[in-house]
Amino acid sequence: MALHYGTPSVVTIPTVLTERLMLRGWKAADLDPYAAMNADPETMRYLDGTFDRGGTERLVTHLIGMWAIRGHGMWAVEDRASGEFLGRAGTYFAQGWPGVEVAVSIRRDRWGQGLGTEAITAALDFGFAHLDVDELITATHQENTGMNTIARKLGMTFREIADVGPWKANNVHAISRVDWAARRIDEIRR
């Protein structure tokens, strides 16, 4: 039996550059630093607990697969100046989600520097430019001060408390395409 090969499938993950960040496709070199993040109890406090390198590898392959299946997903986040892996950010949607979500998780040693806000801003811009949705959401634990603050800072309004995936009683914030566009125009005028 002779095997004949066709053209290989390619998963296209666009690269997005912000002032300080590169949101890009995943590399094998990201697994160890991402596994270290996922093993940190404080980083994972609101994300259903820690997990090991094997769990991290399964998650990364899932996140890459979202790009192939849905045409959008989570990027690896890299510091543009140093090239360091900082976390993940982007869009996410799964069965039972109340909408397409924008989400971020940044390394704990880089919290408080506005990197999460910068990454979510890029995810919102990408989502509204490339997805056929009228709104984007974020779902976060009620006690996750960081993500709840980012949502409010970016003009997202509280919509409801909902169970999202395995997470119970999350704050769901949303912003419409129209409101996001108006916000971005206001930022340009300033």
N, C-alpha and C. Protein backbone atom coordinates (compact mmCIF):
# COMPACT_ATOMS: atom_id res chain seq x y z
N MET A 1 0.85 -1.18 0.00
CA MET A 1 0.00 0.00 0.00
C MET A 1 0.89 1.24 0.00
N ALA A 2 0.65 2.11 -0.92
CA ALA A 2 1.40 3.37 -1.01
C ALA A 2 0.59 4.48 -0.37
N LEU A 3 1.25 5.27 0.42
CA LEU A 3 0.60 6.42 1.02
C LEU A 3 0.82 7.63 0.14
N HIS A 4 -0.21 8.41 -0.03
CA HIS A 4 -0.11 9.65 -0.79
C HIS A 4 -0.53 10.78 0.14
N TYR A 5 0.26 11.81 0.16
CA TYR A 5 0.01 12.92 1.07
C TYR A 5 -0.51 14.12 0.31
N GLY A 6 -1.51 14.75 0.87
CA GLY A 6 -2.02 16.00 0.31
C GLY A 6 -1.33 17.18 0.96
N THR A 7 -1.82 18.33 0.65
CA THR A 7 -1.29 19.55 1.25
C THR A 7 -1.62 19.55 2.74
N PRO A 8 -0.63 19.83 3.59
CA PRO A 8 -0.91 19.81 5.03
C PRO A 8 -1.84 20.95 5.44
N SER A 9 -2.63 20.70 6.46
CA SER A 9 -3.47 21.75 7.03
C SER A 9 -2.59 22.68 7.86
N VAL A 10 -2.93 23.93 7.86
CA VAL A 10 -2.18 24.93 8.61
C VAL A 10 -3.15 25.68 9.51
N VAL A 11 -2.79 25.81 10.76
CA VAL A 11 -3.57 26.63 11.69
C VAL A 11 -2.96 28.02 11.68
N THR A 12 -3.74 28.99 11.27
CA THR A 12 -3.25 30.36 11.21
C THR A 12 -3.63 31.09 12.48
N ILE A 13 -2.62 31.57 13.19
CA ILE A 13 -2.83 32.37 14.39
C ILE A 13 -2.15 33.71 14.12
N PRO A 14 -2.95 34.76 13.96
CA PRO A 14 -2.33 36.05 13.65
C PRO A 14 -1.54 36.57 14.85
N THR A 15 -0.55 37.38 14.58
CA THR A 15 0.21 38.06 15.62
C THR A 15 -0.33 39.47 15.77
N VAL A 16 -0.53 39.88 17.01
CA VAL A 16 -1.01 41.22 17.31
C VAL A 16 0.04 41.91 18.18
N LEU A 17 0.44 43.10 17.77
CA LEU A 17 1.41 43.88 18.53
C LEU A 17 0.72 45.04 19.22
N THR A 18 1.02 45.21 20.49
CA THR A 18 0.57 46.38 21.23
C THR A 18 1.83 47.15 21.62
N GLU A 19 1.67 48.18 22.41
CA GLU A 19 2.83 48.98 22.79
C GLU A 19 3.92 48.13 23.45
N ARG A 20 3.52 47.24 24.37
CA ARG A 20 4.51 46.46 25.12
C ARG A 20 4.44 44.96 24.88
N LEU A 21 3.40 44.49 24.21
CA LEU A 21 3.14 43.06 24.12
C LEU A 21 3.12 42.55 22.69
N MET A 22 3.45 41.27 22.55
CA MET A 22 3.21 40.54 21.32
C MET A 22 2.27 39.40 21.67
N LEU A 23 1.10 39.40 21.07
CA LEU A 23 0.15 38.30 21.21
C LEU A 23 0.38 37.43 19.99
N ARG A 24 0.79 36.19 20.19
CA ARG A 24 1.26 35.36 19.08
C ARG A 24 0.86 33.91 19.29
N GLY A 25 1.12 33.12 18.25
CA GLY A 25 0.89 31.69 18.34
C GLY A 25 1.81 31.05 19.37
N TRP A 26 1.42 29.87 19.78
CA TRP A 26 2.13 29.15 20.83
C TRP A 26 3.36 28.44 20.29
N LYS A 27 4.41 28.38 21.14
CA LYS A 27 5.65 27.67 20.82
C LYS A 27 5.90 26.61 21.89
N ALA A 28 6.66 25.59 21.53
CA ALA A 28 7.03 24.56 22.51
C ALA A 28 7.74 25.19 23.72
N ALA A 29 8.52 26.24 23.49
CA ALA A 29 9.25 26.90 24.57
C ALA A 29 8.33 27.58 25.58
N ASP A 30 7.06 27.77 25.23
CA ASP A 30 6.10 28.40 26.16
C ASP A 30 5.62 27.43 27.24
N LEU A 31 5.75 26.13 27.00
CA LEU A 31 5.16 25.15 27.91
C LEU A 31 5.72 25.23 29.33
N ASP A 32 7.02 25.30 29.47
CA ASP A 32 7.59 25.33 30.83
C ASP A 32 7.21 26.60 31.59
N PRO A 33 7.35 27.81 31.02
CA PRO A 33 6.94 28.98 31.79
C PRO A 33 5.43 29.03 32.04
N TYR A 34 4.64 28.52 31.10
CA TYR A 34 3.19 28.49 31.32
C TYR A 34 2.84 27.47 32.39
N ALA A 35 3.53 26.34 32.38
CA ALA A 35 3.30 25.33 33.43
C ALA A 35 3.65 25.90 34.80
N ALA A 36 4.71 26.71 34.88
CA ALA A 36 5.06 27.35 36.15
C ALA A 36 3.95 28.29 36.61
N MET A 37 3.36 29.03 35.68
CA MET A 37 2.21 29.88 36.03
C MET A 37 1.06 29.04 36.55
N ASN A 38 0.76 27.95 35.84
CA ASN A 38 -0.38 27.12 36.19
C ASN A 38 -0.17 26.33 37.48
N ALA A 39 1.07 26.24 37.94
CA ALA A 39 1.38 25.56 39.20
C ALA A 39 1.37 26.52 40.39
N ASP A 40 1.23 27.82 40.11
CA ASP A 40 1.25 28.83 41.17
C ASP A 40 -0.14 29.01 41.77
N PRO A 41 -0.34 28.69 43.05
CA PRO A 41 -1.67 28.77 43.66
C PRO A 41 -2.29 30.17 43.59
N GLU A 42 -1.49 31.21 43.74
CA GLU A 42 -2.05 32.57 43.71
C GLU A 42 -2.52 32.94 42.30
N THR A 43 -1.73 32.59 41.28
CA THR A 43 -2.13 32.86 39.89
C THR A 43 -3.41 32.12 39.54
N MET A 44 -3.54 30.90 40.05
CA MET A 44 -4.67 30.04 39.66
C MET A 44 -5.84 30.09 40.64
N ARG A 45 -5.78 30.97 41.61
CA ARG A 45 -6.80 31.03 42.65
C ARG A 45 -8.23 31.06 42.09
N TYR A 46 -8.46 31.85 41.05
CA TYR A 46 -9.81 31.99 40.50
C TYR A 46 -10.01 31.17 39.23
N LEU A 47 -9.05 30.33 38.90
CA LEU A 47 -9.12 29.56 37.65
C LEU A 47 -9.22 28.06 37.91
N ASP A 48 -9.89 27.66 38.95
CA ASP A 48 -10.17 26.26 39.25
C ASP A 48 -8.97 25.48 39.75
N GLY A 49 -7.99 26.18 40.32
CA GLY A 49 -6.86 25.50 40.94
C GLY A 49 -5.70 25.22 40.01
N THR A 50 -4.61 24.78 40.62
CA THR A 50 -3.38 24.54 39.87
C THR A 50 -3.45 23.25 39.07
N PHE A 51 -2.54 23.15 38.10
CA PHE A 51 -2.35 21.89 37.40
C PHE A 51 -0.92 21.79 36.91
N ASP A 52 -0.53 20.59 36.51
CA ASP A 52 0.86 20.29 36.19
C ASP A 52 1.20 20.53 34.72
N ARG A 53 2.43 20.16 34.34
CA ARG A 53 2.88 20.38 32.97
C ARG A 53 2.03 19.61 31.96
N GLY A 54 1.64 18.39 32.31
CA GLY A 54 0.79 17.61 31.41
C GLY A 54 -0.53 18.32 31.15
N GLY A 55 -1.13 18.86 32.20
CA GLY A 55 -2.37 19.62 32.06
C GLY A 55 -2.15 20.89 31.24
N THR A 56 -1.00 21.51 31.43
CA THR A 56 -0.67 22.71 30.66
C THR A 56 -0.55 22.38 29.18
N GLU A 57 0.12 21.27 28.87
CA GLU A 57 0.26 20.88 27.46
C GLU A 57 -1.11 20.58 26.84
N ARG A 58 -1.99 19.91 27.57
CA ARG A 58 -3.34 19.66 27.06
C ARG A 58 -4.09 20.96 26.83
N LEU A 59 -3.95 21.91 27.75
CA LEU A 59 -4.61 23.20 27.59
C LEU A 59 -4.07 23.95 26.37
N VAL A 60 -2.77 23.98 26.20
CA VAL A 60 -2.19 24.70 25.06
C VAL A 60 -2.66 24.07 23.74
N THR A 61 -2.68 22.76 23.65
CA THR A 61 -3.15 22.14 22.40
C THR A 61 -4.64 22.45 22.18
N HIS A 62 -5.41 22.53 23.25
CA HIS A 62 -6.82 22.93 23.15
C HIS A 62 -6.92 24.37 22.64
N LEU A 63 -6.10 25.26 23.21
CA LEU A 63 -6.15 26.66 22.79
C LEU A 63 -5.74 26.82 21.33
N ILE A 64 -4.75 26.07 20.88
CA ILE A 64 -4.37 26.10 19.47
C ILE A 64 -5.52 25.56 18.61
N GLY A 65 -6.15 24.50 19.08
CA GLY A 65 -7.27 23.91 18.36
C GLY A 65 -8.44 24.86 18.19
N MET A 66 -8.64 25.76 19.15
CA MET A 66 -9.72 26.75 19.03
C MET A 66 -9.53 27.61 17.79
N TRP A 67 -8.27 27.95 17.49
CA TRP A 67 -8.00 28.73 16.28
C TRP A 67 -8.41 27.95 15.04
N ALA A 68 -8.12 26.66 15.01
CA ALA A 68 -8.46 25.83 13.84
C ALA A 68 -9.97 25.66 13.71
N ILE A 69 -10.65 25.46 14.82
CA ILE A 69 -12.09 25.17 14.78
C ILE A 69 -12.93 26.43 14.69
N ARG A 70 -12.58 27.46 15.45
CA ARG A 70 -13.43 28.65 15.55
C ARG A 70 -12.88 29.88 14.82
N GLY A 71 -11.60 29.85 14.46
CA GLY A 71 -11.01 31.01 13.80
C GLY A 71 -10.58 32.11 14.75
N HIS A 72 -10.63 31.83 16.03
CA HIS A 72 -10.17 32.77 17.05
C HIS A 72 -9.81 31.96 18.28
N GLY A 73 -9.12 32.60 19.21
CA GLY A 73 -8.73 31.88 20.41
C GLY A 73 -7.76 32.67 21.26
N MET A 74 -7.01 31.94 22.06
CA MET A 74 -6.06 32.54 22.98
C MET A 74 -4.66 32.54 22.38
N TRP A 75 -4.00 33.67 22.55
CA TRP A 75 -2.61 33.80 22.15
C TRP A 75 -1.70 33.55 23.35
N ALA A 76 -0.45 33.23 23.06
CA ALA A 76 0.61 33.35 24.05
C ALA A 76 0.94 34.84 24.09
N VAL A 77 1.24 35.35 25.29
CA VAL A 77 1.58 36.76 25.45
C VAL A 77 3.07 36.85 25.76
N GLU A 78 3.75 37.67 24.98
CA GLU A 78 5.19 37.85 25.10
C GLU A 78 5.51 39.32 25.34
N ASP A 79 6.48 39.59 26.19
CA ASP A 79 6.99 40.94 26.41
C ASP A 79 7.81 41.32 25.17
N ARG A 80 7.42 42.39 24.48
CA ARG A 80 8.11 42.76 23.25
C ARG A 80 9.56 43.17 23.50
N ALA A 81 9.84 43.77 24.64
CA ALA A 81 11.19 44.25 24.92
C ALA A 81 12.14 43.12 25.27
N SER A 82 11.67 42.17 26.08
CA SER A 82 12.57 41.12 26.57
C SER A 82 12.40 39.77 25.88
N GLY A 83 11.25 39.58 25.22
CA GLY A 83 10.95 38.28 24.62
C GLY A 83 10.44 37.26 25.62
N GLU A 84 10.23 37.66 26.87
CA GLU A 84 9.77 36.73 27.91
C GLU A 84 8.30 36.35 27.71
N PHE A 85 7.99 35.09 28.01
CA PHE A 85 6.61 34.62 28.04
C PHE A 85 5.93 35.23 29.27
N LEU A 86 4.76 35.85 29.05
CA LEU A 86 4.05 36.50 30.15
C LEU A 86 2.72 35.86 30.51
N GLY A 87 2.15 35.04 29.61
CA GLY A 87 0.86 34.44 29.91
C GLY A 87 0.06 34.16 28.66
N ARG A 88 -1.26 34.29 28.80
CA ARG A 88 -2.15 34.05 27.67
C ARG A 88 -3.28 35.07 27.69
N ALA A 89 -3.79 35.38 26.51
CA ALA A 89 -4.90 36.32 26.38
C ALA A 89 -5.57 36.08 25.05
N GLY A 90 -6.82 36.48 24.96
CA GLY A 90 -7.52 36.39 23.68
C GLY A 90 -9.00 36.17 23.87
N THR A 91 -9.57 35.49 22.88
CA THR A 91 -11.01 35.21 22.89
C THR A 91 -11.23 33.72 23.10
N TYR A 92 -12.40 33.41 23.66
CA TYR A 92 -12.71 32.02 23.96
C TYR A 92 -14.21 31.83 23.88
N PHE A 93 -14.61 30.70 23.34
CA PHE A 93 -16.02 30.31 23.35
C PHE A 93 -16.12 28.80 23.40
N ALA A 94 -16.96 28.31 24.28
CA ALA A 94 -17.23 26.88 24.38
C ALA A 94 -18.72 26.68 24.59
N GLN A 95 -19.17 25.47 24.37
CA GLN A 95 -20.58 25.12 24.57
C GLN A 95 -21.02 25.57 25.96
N GLY A 96 -22.14 26.29 26.03
CA GLY A 96 -22.68 26.74 27.30
C GLY A 96 -22.18 28.10 27.75
N TRP A 97 -21.19 28.67 27.06
CA TRP A 97 -20.70 30.01 27.42
C TRP A 97 -21.79 31.03 27.08
N PRO A 98 -21.94 32.09 27.85
CA PRO A 98 -22.98 33.09 27.57
C PRO A 98 -22.62 34.04 26.43
N GLY A 99 -21.50 33.85 25.80
CA GLY A 99 -21.05 34.68 24.68
C GLY A 99 -19.58 34.43 24.44
N VAL A 100 -19.03 35.09 23.42
CA VAL A 100 -17.60 35.01 23.18
C VAL A 100 -16.91 35.85 24.26
N GLU A 101 -15.97 35.22 24.93
CA GLU A 101 -15.31 35.85 26.07
C GLU A 101 -13.94 36.39 25.67
N VAL A 102 -13.56 37.51 26.26
CA VAL A 102 -12.17 37.96 26.23
C VAL A 102 -11.61 37.67 27.61
N ALA A 103 -10.40 37.12 27.64
CA ALA A 103 -9.81 36.70 28.91
C ALA A 103 -8.31 36.87 28.87
N VAL A 104 -7.71 36.92 30.05
CA VAL A 104 -6.26 37.09 30.17
C VAL A 104 -5.78 36.44 31.46
N SER A 105 -4.56 35.93 31.43
CA SER A 105 -3.86 35.50 32.64
C SER A 105 -2.39 35.85 32.44
N ILE A 106 -1.88 36.71 33.31
CA ILE A 106 -0.51 37.21 33.22
C ILE A 106 0.28 36.67 34.40
N ARG A 107 1.56 36.42 34.19
CA ARG A 107 2.46 35.97 35.26
C ARG A 107 2.34 36.88 36.48
N ARG A 108 2.32 36.26 37.64
CA ARG A 108 2.09 37.02 38.88
C ARG A 108 3.14 38.09 39.11
N ASP A 109 4.41 37.84 38.76
CA ASP A 109 5.45 38.85 39.00
C ASP A 109 5.28 40.08 38.11
N ARG A 110 4.33 40.05 37.17
CA ARG A 110 4.08 41.19 36.28
C ARG A 110 2.70 41.81 36.51
N TRP A 111 2.00 41.38 37.57
CA TRP A 111 0.70 41.98 37.89
C TRP A 111 0.90 43.44 38.27
N GLY A 112 -0.15 44.22 38.08
CA GLY A 112 -0.15 45.62 38.50
C GLY A 112 0.57 46.56 37.54
N GLN A 113 0.93 46.10 36.36
CA GLN A 113 1.64 46.93 35.38
C GLN A 113 0.76 47.32 34.19
N GLY A 114 -0.52 46.97 34.23
CA GLY A 114 -1.42 47.30 33.14
C GLY A 114 -1.33 46.37 31.95
N LEU A 115 -0.59 45.27 32.08
CA LEU A 115 -0.44 44.35 30.95
C LEU A 115 -1.73 43.61 30.63
N GLY A 116 -2.49 43.26 31.66
CA GLY A 116 -3.78 42.59 31.43
C GLY A 116 -4.73 43.49 30.67
N THR A 117 -4.79 44.76 31.06
CA THR A 117 -5.65 45.72 30.37
C THR A 117 -5.22 45.88 28.92
N GLU A 118 -3.92 45.96 28.69
CA GLU A 118 -3.39 46.10 27.34
C GLU A 118 -3.74 44.88 26.48
N ALA A 119 -3.62 43.70 27.05
CA ALA A 119 -3.91 42.47 26.31
C ALA A 119 -5.41 42.34 26.03
N ILE A 120 -6.25 42.66 27.01
CA ILE A 120 -7.71 42.57 26.80
C ILE A 120 -8.16 43.61 25.78
N THR A 121 -7.56 44.79 25.80
CA THR A 121 -7.88 45.81 24.79
C THR A 121 -7.61 45.25 23.39
N ALA A 122 -6.47 44.60 23.22
CA ALA A 122 -6.14 44.00 21.92
C ALA A 122 -7.13 42.90 21.56
N ALA A 123 -7.54 42.11 22.54
CA ALA A 123 -8.51 41.03 22.27
C ALA A 123 -9.86 41.61 21.86
N LEU A 124 -10.28 42.70 22.51
CA LEU A 124 -11.54 43.35 22.14
C LEU A 124 -11.44 43.92 20.72
N ASP A 125 -10.34 44.60 20.42
CA ASP A 125 -10.15 45.13 19.06
C ASP A 125 -10.21 44.01 18.02
N PHE A 126 -9.48 42.92 18.29
CA PHE A 126 -9.46 41.79 17.37
C PHE A 126 -10.86 41.18 17.23
N GLY A 127 -11.51 40.95 18.37
CA GLY A 127 -12.83 40.31 18.35
C GLY A 127 -13.83 41.08 17.52
N PHE A 128 -13.90 42.39 17.74
CA PHE A 128 -14.87 43.17 16.99
C PHE A 128 -14.47 43.37 15.53
N ALA A 129 -13.18 43.29 15.23
CA ALA A 129 -12.73 43.42 13.84
C ALA A 129 -12.93 42.13 13.05
N HIS A 130 -12.87 40.98 13.72
CA HIS A 130 -12.82 39.71 12.99
C HIS A 130 -13.95 38.73 13.28
N LEU A 131 -14.75 38.98 14.29
CA LEU A 131 -15.81 38.04 14.64
C LEU A 131 -17.17 38.65 14.36
N ASP A 132 -18.10 37.82 13.98
CA ASP A 132 -19.46 38.27 13.71
C ASP A 132 -20.27 38.21 15.01
N VAL A 133 -19.95 39.13 15.91
CA VAL A 133 -20.64 39.22 17.20
C VAL A 133 -21.00 40.67 17.46
N ASP A 134 -22.09 40.88 18.18
CA ASP A 134 -22.50 42.23 18.54
C ASP A 134 -21.98 42.65 19.91
N GLU A 135 -21.51 41.66 20.70
CA GLU A 135 -20.93 41.99 21.99
C GLU A 135 -19.88 40.94 22.36
N LEU A 136 -19.00 41.36 23.23
CA LEU A 136 -18.02 40.45 23.82
C LEU A 136 -18.18 40.53 25.33
N ILE A 137 -17.87 39.43 25.99
CA ILE A 137 -18.05 39.36 27.44
C ILE A 137 -16.72 39.01 28.11
N THR A 138 -16.70 39.16 29.40
CA THR A 138 -15.70 38.53 30.23
C THR A 138 -16.44 37.93 31.41
N ALA A 139 -16.01 36.77 31.81
CA ALA A 139 -16.61 36.09 32.97
C ALA A 139 -15.51 35.87 33.98
N THR A 140 -15.73 36.32 35.19
CA THR A 140 -14.68 36.21 36.19
C THR A 140 -15.26 36.00 37.58
N HIS A 141 -14.49 35.35 38.40
CA HIS A 141 -14.86 35.12 39.79
C HIS A 141 -15.22 36.45 40.44
N GLN A 142 -16.24 36.43 41.28
CA GLN A 142 -16.69 37.67 41.91
C GLN A 142 -15.60 38.33 42.75
N GLU A 143 -14.66 37.55 43.28
CA GLU A 143 -13.61 38.11 44.12
C GLU A 143 -12.32 38.43 43.36
N ASN A 144 -12.31 38.21 42.05
CA ASN A 144 -11.12 38.50 41.24
C ASN A 144 -11.08 40.00 40.94
N THR A 145 -10.54 40.73 41.89
CA THR A 145 -10.49 42.19 41.81
C THR A 145 -9.81 42.66 40.53
N GLY A 146 -8.70 42.01 40.17
CA GLY A 146 -7.95 42.43 38.98
C GLY A 146 -8.79 42.40 37.72
N MET A 147 -9.42 41.27 37.43
CA MET A 147 -10.18 41.14 36.18
C MET A 147 -11.47 41.95 36.23
N ASN A 148 -12.11 42.02 37.38
CA ASN A 148 -13.32 42.85 37.50
C ASN A 148 -12.97 44.32 37.26
N THR A 149 -11.81 44.76 37.75
CA THR A 149 -11.37 46.14 37.54
C THR A 149 -11.06 46.40 36.07
N ILE A 150 -10.38 45.45 35.41
CA ILE A 150 -10.10 45.59 33.97
C ILE A 150 -11.40 45.73 33.19
N ALA A 151 -12.38 44.92 33.49
CA ALA A 151 -13.66 44.97 32.77
C ALA A 151 -14.30 46.36 32.91
N ARG A 152 -14.36 46.87 34.13
CA ARG A 152 -14.96 48.20 34.34
C ARG A 152 -14.13 49.29 33.67
N LYS A 153 -12.81 49.20 33.79
CA LYS A 153 -11.91 50.19 33.20
C LYS A 153 -12.10 50.29 31.69
N LEU A 154 -12.40 49.17 31.05
CA LEU A 154 -12.58 49.14 29.60
C LEU A 154 -14.01 49.40 29.16
N GLY A 155 -14.86 49.80 30.09
CA GLY A 155 -16.23 50.17 29.74
C GLY A 155 -17.19 49.02 29.65
N MET A 156 -16.79 47.85 30.10
CA MET A 156 -17.71 46.71 30.10
C MET A 156 -18.67 46.89 31.28
N THR A 157 -19.92 46.55 31.07
CA THR A 157 -20.91 46.71 32.13
C THR A 157 -21.33 45.35 32.66
N PHE A 158 -21.63 45.33 33.95
CA PHE A 158 -22.08 44.11 34.58
C PHE A 158 -23.40 43.69 33.95
N ARG A 159 -23.48 42.43 33.54
CA ARG A 159 -24.70 41.91 32.92
C ARG A 159 -25.44 40.95 33.82
N GLU A 160 -24.69 40.02 34.46
CA GLU A 160 -25.34 39.00 35.28
C GLU A 160 -24.32 38.20 36.06
N ILE A 161 -24.81 37.41 36.98
CA ILE A 161 -24.01 36.37 37.62
C ILE A 161 -24.43 35.06 36.98
N ALA A 162 -23.45 34.29 36.49
CA ALA A 162 -23.78 33.07 35.76
C ALA A 162 -22.71 32.01 35.99
N ASP A 163 -23.11 30.76 35.82
CA ASP A 163 -22.16 29.65 35.79
C ASP A 163 -21.59 29.61 34.37
N VAL A 164 -20.26 29.58 34.29
CA VAL A 164 -19.59 29.57 32.99
C VAL A 164 -18.61 28.41 33.01
N GLY A 165 -18.88 27.39 32.20
CA GLY A 165 -18.04 26.20 32.22
C GLY A 165 -18.04 25.61 33.62
N PRO A 166 -16.86 25.30 34.15
CA PRO A 166 -16.81 24.71 35.49
C PRO A 166 -16.89 25.74 36.62
N TRP A 167 -16.92 27.02 36.27
CA TRP A 167 -16.89 28.08 37.28
C TRP A 167 -18.30 28.51 37.64
N LYS A 168 -18.57 28.54 38.92
CA LYS A 168 -19.91 28.86 39.43
C LYS A 168 -19.98 30.33 39.84
N ALA A 169 -21.14 30.93 39.61
CA ALA A 169 -21.47 32.28 40.07
C ALA A 169 -20.40 33.31 39.70
N ASN A 170 -20.12 33.42 38.41
CA ASN A 170 -19.16 34.40 37.91
C ASN A 170 -19.85 35.71 37.57
N ASN A 171 -19.11 36.81 37.73
CA ASN A 171 -19.57 38.09 37.19
C ASN A 171 -19.38 38.02 35.68
N VAL A 172 -20.43 38.35 34.96
CA VAL A 172 -20.33 38.46 33.50
C VAL A 172 -20.48 39.93 33.15
N HIS A 173 -19.43 40.48 32.56
CA HIS A 173 -19.44 41.85 32.06
C HIS A 173 -19.49 41.78 30.55
N ALA A 174 -20.09 42.79 29.91
CA ALA A 174 -20.21 42.79 28.46
C ALA A 174 -20.02 44.20 27.91
N ILE A 175 -19.61 44.25 26.65
CA ILE A 175 -19.56 45.52 25.93
C ILE A 175 -20.00 45.24 24.49
N SER A 176 -20.80 46.15 23.96
CA SER A 176 -21.30 45.99 22.60
C SER A 176 -20.27 46.51 21.60
N ARG A 177 -20.43 46.07 20.39
CA ARG A 177 -19.58 46.54 19.29
C ARG A 177 -19.68 48.07 19.18
N VAL A 178 -20.90 48.61 19.24
CA VAL A 178 -21.13 50.05 19.12
C VAL A 178 -20.45 50.81 20.27
N ASP A 179 -20.61 50.33 21.49
CA ASP A 179 -20.00 51.00 22.64
C ASP A 179 -18.47 50.93 22.58
N TRP A 180 -17.92 49.80 22.14
CA TRP A 180 -16.47 49.69 22.04
C TRP A 180 -15.93 50.65 20.97
N ALA A 181 -16.60 50.73 19.83
CA ALA A 181 -16.16 51.64 18.77
C ALA A 181 -16.20 53.09 19.25
N ALA A 182 -17.25 53.47 19.95
CA ALA A 182 -17.35 54.83 20.47
C ALA A 182 -16.24 55.11 21.48
N ARG A 183 -15.95 54.13 22.31
CA ARG A 183 -14.88 54.29 23.30
C ARG A 183 -13.53 54.49 22.62
N ARG A 184 -13.25 53.71 21.59
CA ARG A 184 -11.97 53.82 20.88
C ARG A 184 -11.87 55.18 20.16
N ILE A 185 -12.98 55.68 19.61
CA ILE A 185 -12.97 57.00 18.96
C ILE A 185 -12.69 58.08 20.00
N ASP A 186 -13.32 57.97 21.17
CA ASP A 186 -13.06 58.93 22.25
C ASP A 186 -11.60 58.92 22.66
N GLU A 187 -10.97 57.74 22.72
CA GLU A 187 -9.55 57.64 23.10
C GLU A 187 -8.67 58.34 22.06
N ILE A 188 -9.01 58.21 20.81
CA ILE A 188 -8.23 58.85 19.73
C ILE A 188 -8.34 60.37 19.83
N ARG A 189 -9.52 60.86 20.16
CA ARG A 189 -9.75 62.31 20.25
C ARG A 189 -9.01 62.93 21.42
N ARG A 190 -8.73 62.14 22.44
CA ARG A 190 -8.05 62.70 23.62
C ARG A 190 -6.62 62.95 23.39
